[in-house]
Each structure stands twice: as C-alpha cells, then as structure tokens.
C-alpha atoms as a PDB file:
ATOM      1  CA  MET A   1       9.865  -9.432   9.835  1.00  0.00           C
ATOM      2  CA  SER A   2      12.275  -6.989   9.947  1.00  0.00           C
ATOM      3  CA  ASP A   3      12.749  -4.431  12.417  1.00  0.00           C
ATOM      4  CA  THR A   4      12.954  -2.004  10.016  1.00  0.00           C
ATOM      5  CA  ILE A   5      11.070   0.934  10.557  1.00  0.00           C
ATOM      6  CA  LEU A   6       9.101   2.282   7.643  1.00  0.00           C
ATOM      7  CA  GLU A   7       8.595   6.479   7.525  1.00  0.00           C
ATOM      8  CA  ALA A   8       5.966   6.695   4.923  1.00  0.00           C
ATOM      9  CA  ASP A   9       5.087   9.860   2.977  1.00  0.00           C
ATOM     10  CA  GLU A  10       1.966   9.628   3.043  1.00  0.00           C
ATOM     11  CA  THR A  11      -0.888   7.341   4.443  1.00  0.00           C
ATOM     12  CA  VAL A  12      -3.957   5.564   2.666  1.00  0.00           C
ATOM     13  CA  ASP A  13      -6.792   4.840   5.016  1.00  0.00           C
ATOM     14  CA  ALA A  14      -8.496   2.227   2.730  1.00  0.00           C
ATOM     15  CA  ARG A  15      -9.778   0.334   5.887  1.00  0.00           C
ATOM     16  CA  GLY A  16     -13.554  -1.171   5.348  1.00  0.00           C
ATOM     17  CA  ALA A  17     -14.090  -0.084   1.407  1.00  0.00           C
ATOM     18  CA  THR A  18     -14.483  -3.260  -0.162  1.00  0.00           C
ATOM     19  CA  CYS A  19     -12.369  -4.319  -3.630  1.00  0.00           C
ATOM     20  CA  PRO A  20     -11.219  -2.770  -5.121  1.00  0.00           C
ATOM     21  CA  GLY A  21     -11.512   0.437  -3.159  1.00  0.00           C
ATOM     22  CA  PRO A  22      -8.384   0.204  -1.377  1.00  0.00           C
ATOM     23  CA  LEU A  23      -6.546  -0.128  -4.697  1.00  0.00           C
ATOM     24  CA  MET A  24      -8.110   2.554  -6.027  1.00  0.00           C
ATOM     25  CA  ASP A  25      -7.296   5.215  -3.195  1.00  0.00           C
ATOM     26  CA  LEU A  26      -3.530   3.376  -3.265  1.00  0.00           C
ATOM     27  CA  ILE A  27      -3.347   3.816  -7.435  1.00  0.00           C
ATOM     28  CA  GLY A  28      -5.243   7.717  -6.685  1.00  0.00           C
ATOM     29  CA  ALA A  29      -1.784   8.629  -3.498  1.00  0.00           C
ATOM     30  CA  ILE A  30       0.634   7.241  -6.188  1.00  0.00           C
ATOM     31  CA  ARG A  31      -0.423   9.365  -8.973  1.00  0.00           C
ATOM     32  CA  GLY A  32       0.189  12.035  -6.792  1.00  0.00           C
ATOM     33  CA  ALA A  33       3.587  11.685  -4.623  1.00  0.00           C
ATOM     34  CA  GLU A  34       6.903  12.623  -6.321  1.00  0.00           C
ATOM     35  CA  THR A  35       8.906   9.366  -7.480  1.00  0.00           C
ATOM     36  CA  GLY A  36      10.697   7.865  -4.202  1.00  0.00           C
ATOM     37  CA  ALA A  37       6.996   8.809  -1.982  1.00  0.00           C
ATOM     38  CA  LEU A  38       6.621   6.541  -0.091  1.00  0.00           C
ATOM     39  CA  ILE A  39       3.021   5.353   0.834  1.00  0.00           C
ATOM     40  CA  ARG A  40       1.422   2.886   3.697  1.00  0.00           C
ATOM     41  CA  LEU A  41      -1.880   1.303   2.408  1.00  0.00           C
ATOM     42  CA  LEU A  42      -3.879   0.803   5.626  1.00  0.00           C
ATOM     43  CA  SER A  43      -6.727  -2.456   4.475  1.00  0.00           C
ATOM     44  CA  ASP A  44      -8.456  -4.881   6.184  1.00  0.00           C
ATOM     45  CA  ASN A  45      -9.906  -6.458   3.413  1.00  0.00           C
ATOM     46  CA  ASP A  46      -7.551  -9.724   2.090  1.00  0.00           C
ATOM     47  CA  GLN A  47      -7.141  -9.267  -1.310  1.00  0.00           C
ATOM     48  CA  SER A  48      -5.222  -5.527  -0.822  1.00  0.00           C
ATOM     49  CA  LEU A  49      -2.595  -8.295   0.062  1.00  0.00           C
ATOM     50  CA  THR A  50      -2.820  -9.976  -4.147  1.00  0.00           C
ATOM     51  CA  ASP A  51      -3.976  -7.358  -5.352  1.00  0.00           C
ATOM     52  CA  VAL A  52      -1.520  -4.501  -4.476  1.00  0.00           C
ATOM     53  CA  PRO A  53       1.884  -6.404  -5.587  1.00  0.00           C
ATOM     54  CA  GLU A  54       0.282  -7.572  -8.845  1.00  0.00           C
ATOM     55  CA  TRP A  55      -0.635  -4.296  -8.883  1.00  0.00           C
ATOM     56  CA  ALA A  56       3.186  -2.843  -8.288  1.00  0.00           C
ATOM     57  CA  ASP A  57       4.305  -5.487 -10.952  1.00  0.00           C
ATOM     58  CA  GLU A  58       2.601  -4.141 -14.072  1.00  0.00           C
ATOM     59  CA  SER A  59       3.260  -0.200 -13.021  1.00  0.00           C
ATOM     60  CA  GLY A  60       6.421  -1.035 -12.149  1.00  0.00           C
ATOM     61  CA  ASN A  61       6.191   0.487  -8.684  1.00  0.00           C
ATOM     62  CA  ASP A  62       7.761  -1.448  -5.579  1.00  0.00           C
ATOM     63  CA  VAL A  63       5.447  -2.857  -2.301  1.00  0.00           C
ATOM     64  CA  LEU A  64       8.664  -2.691   0.284  1.00  0.00           C
ATOM     65  CA  ALA A  65       6.872  -4.253   3.229  1.00  0.00           C
ATOM     66  CA  THR A  66       3.654  -5.779   4.439  1.00  0.00           C
ATOM     67  CA  GLN A  67       2.937  -5.754   8.206  1.00  0.00           C
ATOM     68  CA  GLU A  68      -0.425  -7.335   9.562  1.00  0.00           C
ATOM     69  CA  THR A  69      -1.486  -6.147  12.896  1.00  0.00           C
ATOM     70  CA  ASP A  70      -4.564  -7.928  14.962  1.00  0.00           C
ATOM     71  CA  ASP A  71      -7.305  -5.404  12.535  1.00  0.00           C
ATOM     72  CA  TYR A  72      -5.191  -4.656   9.067  1.00  0.00           C
ATOM     73  CA  TYR A  73      -2.805  -4.990   6.794  1.00  0.00           C
ATOM     74  CA  GLU A  74       0.165  -2.143   6.236  1.00  0.00           C
ATOM     75  CA  ILE A  75       1.370  -2.133   3.143  1.00  0.00           C
ATOM     76  CA  TYR A  76       4.300  -0.090   1.539  1.00  0.00           C
ATOM     77  CA  VAL A  77       4.642   1.176  -1.422  1.00  0.00           C
ATOM     78  CA  GLU A  78       7.518   2.911  -2.810  1.00  0.00           C
ATOM     79  CA  LYS A  79       6.290   5.489  -5.787  1.00  0.00           C
ATOM     80  CA  ALA A  80       9.533   4.551  -8.668  1.00  0.00           C
END
C-alpha cells in the first residue's frame, strides 16, 4: 500500500449493506458526480472487492486504490 493520501470528493458509506447495496450506492454517486471526481466507498462486504473493480472495468471508471482497515474497506473510484 502506498503512502499517497487520496482526497475524495464524496464518500459513500455503505457499511452494513448487503450485496449488491454497496455497488448500487456507488453507482448512484458516480452518476451524480462530475468527470474526474473521486468517490470513496466504505464497505464491510467482501464482495465489494470483486464487484467494484468488475463494474469499473465494464463502465470505464477507474479504481485508484483499495485500502483495508480493521473493520471495512475503502475503495477509491475516479469517474471517467
């Protein structure tokens, strides 16, 4: 993991949501965001680690970083 600090334009807190809730919340935030915006998804659902990158590849958005904390994941997605 790098020491780069990413400054998110918006944070989507989907902790406690079951699949596909975190991804749906992220997609909603991306739709409302400007091109180049950085969205931080907070999720404690392991499925987000595969769902978000797969969706990003299909939709043309970029997963810039994934960080794991003790209780949840932070996934940073840049809107294309």
